[in-house]
Amino acid sequence: MQDLPLANLNIVVTRPRDQAAGLARRITTLGGSPLLFPLLEIAPAPDQAALHEFAQHAGQYQLLIFISPNAVHYGMDALGSLPAGVRVAAVGQGSMLALRSRGIGQVIVPAEQFDSEGLLALPELQNVSGWRIAILRGDGGRELLGDTLKARGARVEFVTCYQRSKTKLDVAAFLATHPDAITLTSSEALAHLDTALGAAAAALKAAVPLFVSHPRIAAAAGALGWQRVLPTASGDDGLCAGLIAWAAQLTK
């Protein structure tokens, strides 16, 4: 049916459980069956004292950069509100929307390339010499953003707002759902999925399309042997648009 483009299709959603509801709801609305198999769990940062110490002095920074919606959630919970005069940036649309839901309207964010490279290319981040910048993120991650801003003369500090851990994937239950497609939004989740599947990975890599929301994840999937990697635009809109376009080809 035209109104249900994903009818009779089992779509795996691998986001952390607390972040999977929106995409699962969209898939259901489009007629598909969302299969929730979170590959990562998100929890508060283990060092809450350090996070709250940062929050007490956040007014001393010229710019706060939020790497993800989780960074917004846990970071803004610690901050309570944005200090006056402090600018805010986000790497992607999801983080920007999370900030807006907290009442923060003025957000520096890329218009097209939603990653560190896209943010670094913006005019607002070219002349940051002497600025004090905090990058709010999970435990670990890419260093490109911080390294580049330091090279431009900024004082950069990383603030750990949350931690990620790998879930235990029930491979038998996963395979029993007979997934028609898998959605992935994290290189770390991709690596965990590949390891967890073990010997079962070969058949899936050959037959099941993998929808990924960033070229970097697509490249990693290709390097791991996934043969049907379909990059999409970012966010739920991008993933759903990719799924709909793919499903339309199945009926031709």
Protein backbone atom coordinates (compact mmCIF):
# COMPACT_ATOMS: atom_id res chain seq x y z
CA MET A 1 0.00 0.00 0.00
CA GLN A 2 1.21 3.45 -0.87
CA ASP A 3 0.36 4.79 2.59
CA LEU A 4 2.27 1.93 4.24
CA PRO A 5 5.53 1.74 2.26
CA LEU A 6 7.24 -0.48 4.86
CA ALA A 7 4.37 -2.98 5.16
CA ASN A 8 5.45 -6.54 6.03
CA LEU A 9 9.08 -5.51 6.57
CA ASN A 10 11.03 -6.23 9.76
CA ILE A 11 13.35 -3.30 10.49
CA VAL A 12 15.99 -3.61 13.21
CA VAL A 13 16.55 -0.51 15.35
CA THR A 14 19.91 -0.66 17.14
CA ARG A 15 19.88 2.66 18.99
CA PRO A 16 20.08 2.73 22.80
CA ARG A 17 16.67 1.81 24.18
CA ASP A 18 15.87 5.29 25.50
CA GLN A 19 16.51 6.77 22.05
CA ALA A 20 14.82 4.15 19.91
CA ALA A 21 11.17 5.04 20.50
CA GLY A 22 10.92 7.84 17.95
CA LEU A 23 12.35 5.83 15.06
CA ALA A 24 10.36 2.73 16.06
CA ARG A 25 7.18 4.82 16.07
CA ARG A 26 7.95 6.17 12.60
CA ILE A 27 8.58 2.68 11.23
CA THR A 28 5.28 1.49 12.70
CA THR A 29 3.43 4.45 11.15
CA LEU A 30 4.93 3.50 7.79
CA GLY A 31 3.63 -0.05 8.16
CA GLY A 32 6.86 -1.74 9.19
CA SER A 33 7.64 -3.86 12.23
CA PRO A 34 10.41 -2.27 14.34
CA LEU A 35 12.66 -4.79 16.09
CA LEU A 36 14.45 -3.23 19.06
CA PHE A 37 17.96 -4.58 19.57
CA PRO A 38 19.94 -1.85 21.35
CA LEU A 39 23.67 -2.35 20.92
CA LEU A 40 24.78 0.31 23.40
CA GLU A 41 23.54 1.43 26.80
CA ILE A 42 23.82 5.02 28.01
CA ALA A 43 24.35 5.89 31.67
CA PRO A 44 25.38 8.98 33.65
CA ALA A 45 29.08 9.80 33.78
CA PRO A 46 30.85 7.94 36.60
CA ASP A 47 32.54 11.14 37.82
CA GLN A 48 29.56 13.30 38.69
CA ALA A 49 31.72 15.56 40.87
CA ALA A 50 33.78 16.63 37.86
CA LEU A 51 30.64 17.29 35.83
CA HIS A 52 29.10 19.45 38.53
CA GLU A 53 32.41 21.26 39.06
CA PHE A 54 32.33 22.20 35.38
CA ALA A 55 28.71 23.33 35.69
CA GLN A 56 29.59 25.73 38.50
CA HIS A 57 32.18 27.49 36.31
CA ALA A 58 30.46 27.19 32.91
CA GLY A 59 30.02 30.95 32.74
CA GLN A 60 33.78 31.28 32.22
CA TYR A 61 33.58 29.67 28.76
CA GLN A 62 32.93 31.45 25.50
CA LEU A 63 31.49 28.36 23.80
CA LEU A 64 29.93 25.03 24.79
CA ILE A 65 29.83 22.35 22.09
CA PHE A 66 27.38 19.45 22.50
CA ILE A 67 28.42 16.33 20.61
CA SER A 68 25.13 14.41 20.86
CA PRO A 69 21.58 14.53 22.25
CA ASN A 70 22.87 12.52 25.21
CA ALA A 71 25.42 15.25 25.90
CA VAL A 72 22.57 17.76 25.87
CA HIS A 73 20.47 15.63 28.21
CA TYR A 74 23.11 14.97 30.84
CA GLY A 75 25.04 18.20 30.34
CA MET A 76 22.02 20.48 30.64
CA ASP A 77 20.75 18.50 33.63
CA ALA A 78 24.02 19.42 35.36
CA LEU A 79 23.99 23.01 34.13
CA GLY A 80 20.34 23.68 34.90
CA SER A 81 20.36 26.63 32.50
CA LEU A 82 22.74 28.21 30.03
CA PRO A 83 24.98 30.87 31.61
CA ALA A 84 24.47 34.37 30.21
CA GLY A 85 26.77 35.28 27.36
CA VAL A 86 27.92 31.75 26.61
CA ARG A 87 27.43 30.59 23.02
CA VAL A 88 26.32 27.08 22.14
CA ALA A 89 27.15 24.80 19.22
CA ALA A 90 25.98 21.34 18.20
CA VAL A 91 27.43 18.80 15.80
CA GLY A 92 24.10 17.65 14.38
CA GLN A 93 20.40 18.30 14.05
CA GLY A 94 19.46 15.89 16.84
CA SER A 95 21.59 17.81 19.33
CA MET A 96 20.23 21.12 18.08
CA LEU A 97 16.64 19.93 18.54
CA ALA A 98 17.49 18.67 22.02
CA LEU A 99 18.92 22.09 22.89
CA ARG A 100 15.85 23.84 21.53
CA SER A 101 13.66 21.61 23.67
CA ARG A 102 15.60 23.07 26.61
CA GLY A 103 14.73 26.60 25.50
CA ILE A 104 18.06 27.35 23.78
CA GLY A 105 17.23 28.90 20.42
CA GLN A 106 20.54 30.27 19.17
CA VAL A 107 22.66 27.24 18.26
CA ILE A 108 25.66 27.13 15.93
CA VAL A 109 25.11 24.00 13.82
CA PRO A 110 26.10 22.79 10.35
CA ALA A 111 23.47 23.12 7.65
CA GLU A 112 24.53 20.06 5.68
CA GLN A 113 27.48 18.00 6.93
CA PHE A 114 26.51 16.92 10.43
CA ASP A 115 29.84 16.00 11.99
CA SER A 116 32.97 17.57 13.44
CA GLU A 117 34.24 18.50 9.99
CA GLY A 118 30.98 20.26 9.17
CA LEU A 119 31.02 22.21 12.42
CA LEU A 120 34.68 23.21 12.02
CA ALA A 121 33.97 24.60 8.55
CA LEU A 122 31.48 27.17 9.86
CA PRO A 123 32.56 30.84 9.91
CA GLU A 124 31.68 31.12 13.61
CA LEU A 125 34.47 28.71 14.57
CA GLN A 126 37.29 30.13 12.47
CA ASN A 127 38.50 32.91 14.79
CA VAL A 128 38.52 31.32 18.24
CA SER A 129 41.99 32.29 19.43
CA GLY A 130 41.90 32.95 23.16
CA TRP A 131 38.48 31.39 23.60
CA ARG A 132 37.79 28.89 26.34
CA ILE A 133 35.72 26.08 24.83
CA ALA A 134 34.13 23.05 26.49
CA ILE A 135 33.21 19.98 24.43
CA LEU A 136 30.47 18.03 26.17
CA ARG A 137 30.45 14.36 25.14
CA GLY A 138 30.46 10.74 26.27
CA ASP A 139 33.46 8.82 27.50
CA GLY A 140 35.95 8.98 24.66
CA GLY A 141 35.38 9.74 21.01
CA ARG A 142 37.07 11.47 18.12
CA GLU A 143 39.69 14.10 18.93
CA LEU A 144 39.50 16.02 15.64
CA LEU A 145 37.22 18.76 16.92
CA GLY A 146 39.29 19.51 20.02
CA ASP A 147 42.63 19.23 18.24
CA THR A 148 41.57 21.59 15.46
CA LEU A 149 40.17 24.21 17.84
CA LYS A 150 43.38 24.05 19.88
CA ALA A 151 45.37 24.57 16.68
CA ARG A 152 43.24 27.68 16.07
CA GLY A 153 44.30 29.05 19.45
CA ALA A 154 41.44 28.04 21.72
CA ARG A 155 41.73 26.50 25.19
CA VAL A 156 39.71 23.30 24.89
CA GLU A 157 38.43 21.07 27.66
CA PHE A 158 36.50 17.84 27.30
CA VAL A 159 33.59 17.30 29.68
CA THR A 160 32.35 13.72 30.09
CA CYS A 161 28.58 13.87 30.53
CA TYR A 162 27.70 10.20 30.07
CA GLN A 163 29.19 6.79 29.45
CA ARG A 164 28.47 4.10 26.87
CA SER A 165 28.60 0.35 27.38
CA LYS A 166 27.94 -2.58 25.07
CA THR A 167 24.77 -4.56 25.58
CA LYS A 168 24.65 -8.35 25.44
CA LEU A 169 23.04 -9.18 22.10
CA ASP A 170 20.85 -12.29 22.02
CA VAL A 171 22.02 -13.49 18.62
CA ALA A 172 19.52 -16.34 18.41
CA ALA A 173 16.60 -13.98 19.11
CA PHE A 174 18.05 -11.47 16.66
CA LEU A 175 18.24 -14.01 13.84
CA ALA A 176 14.81 -15.47 14.68
CA THR A 177 13.17 -12.16 13.75
CA HIS A 178 14.32 -12.60 10.14
CA PRO A 179 15.30 -8.96 9.74
CA ASP A 180 14.71 -7.39 6.33
CA ALA A 181 16.88 -4.36 7.13
CA ILE A 182 19.11 -3.04 9.91
CA THR A 183 19.53 0.61 10.91
CA LEU A 184 22.78 1.79 12.50
CA THR A 185 23.79 5.24 13.71
CA SER A 186 27.10 4.57 15.47
CA SER A 187 30.47 3.14 14.41
CA GLU A 188 30.88 1.76 17.93
CA ALA A 189 27.53 -0.04 17.67
CA LEU A 190 28.54 -1.42 14.28
CA ALA A 191 31.75 -2.90 15.68
CA HIS A 192 29.83 -4.46 18.58
CA LEU A 193 27.23 -5.96 16.22
CA ASP A 194 29.94 -7.44 14.03
CA THR A 195 31.69 -9.05 16.98
CA ALA A 196 28.49 -10.30 18.62
CA LEU A 197 27.18 -11.98 15.47
CA GLY A 198 30.32 -14.05 15.08
CA ALA A 199 29.83 -16.88 12.58
CA ALA A 200 26.29 -15.70 11.82
CA ALA A 201 27.58 -12.43 10.40
CA ALA A 202 28.51 -13.76 6.95
CA ALA A 203 24.97 -14.52 5.81
CA LEU A 204 23.59 -11.22 7.11
CA LYS A 205 26.40 -9.23 5.52
CA ALA A 206 25.59 -10.71 2.15
CA ALA A 207 21.80 -10.52 2.27
CA VAL A 208 20.53 -7.83 4.64
CA PRO A 209 20.79 -4.12 3.78
CA LEU A 210 22.44 -1.96 6.40
CA PHE A 211 21.12 1.61 6.61
CA VAL A 212 23.68 3.97 8.10
CA SER A 213 23.40 7.68 8.83
CA HIS A 214 26.96 8.83 8.09
CA PRO A 215 29.59 8.16 5.41
CA ARG A 216 32.12 7.27 8.12
CA ILE A 217 29.87 4.44 9.36
CA ALA A 218 29.31 3.32 5.77
CA ALA A 219 33.06 3.10 5.19
CA ALA A 220 33.52 1.09 8.39
CA ALA A 221 30.71 -1.28 7.40
CA GLY A 222 32.25 -1.83 3.99
CA ALA A 223 35.61 -2.57 5.58
CA LEU A 224 33.93 -5.20 7.76
CA GLY A 225 32.45 -6.93 4.73
CA TRP A 226 28.85 -5.70 4.69
CA GLN A 227 27.84 -5.91 1.04
CA ARG A 228 24.59 -3.94 1.04
CA VAL A 229 25.44 -0.69 2.81
CA LEU A 230 22.96 2.12 2.15
CA PRO A 231 23.98 5.56 3.46
CA THR A 232 21.13 7.91 4.38
CA ALA A 233 20.74 11.49 5.50
CA SER A 234 21.01 12.04 9.25
CA GLY A 235 18.29 11.62 11.85
CA ASP A 236 15.01 9.74 11.77
CA ASP A 237 13.93 11.62 8.64
CA GLY A 238 17.01 10.48 6.75
CA LEU A 239 16.75 6.86 7.85
CA CYS A 240 13.05 6.67 7.05
CA ALA A 241 13.53 8.28 3.64
CA GLY A 242 16.22 5.71 2.85
CA LEU A 243 14.02 2.84 4.02
CA ILE A 244 11.07 4.06 1.94
CA ALA A 245 13.20 4.43 -1.21
CA TRP A 246 14.61 0.93 -0.72
CA ALA A 247 11.19 -0.61 -0.06
CA ALA A 248 9.79 0.99 -3.21
CA GLN A 249 12.41 -0.87 -5.25
CA LEU A 250 11.31 -4.19 -3.77
CA THR A 251 7.87 -3.90 -5.34
CA LYS A 252 9.09 -3.12 -8.85
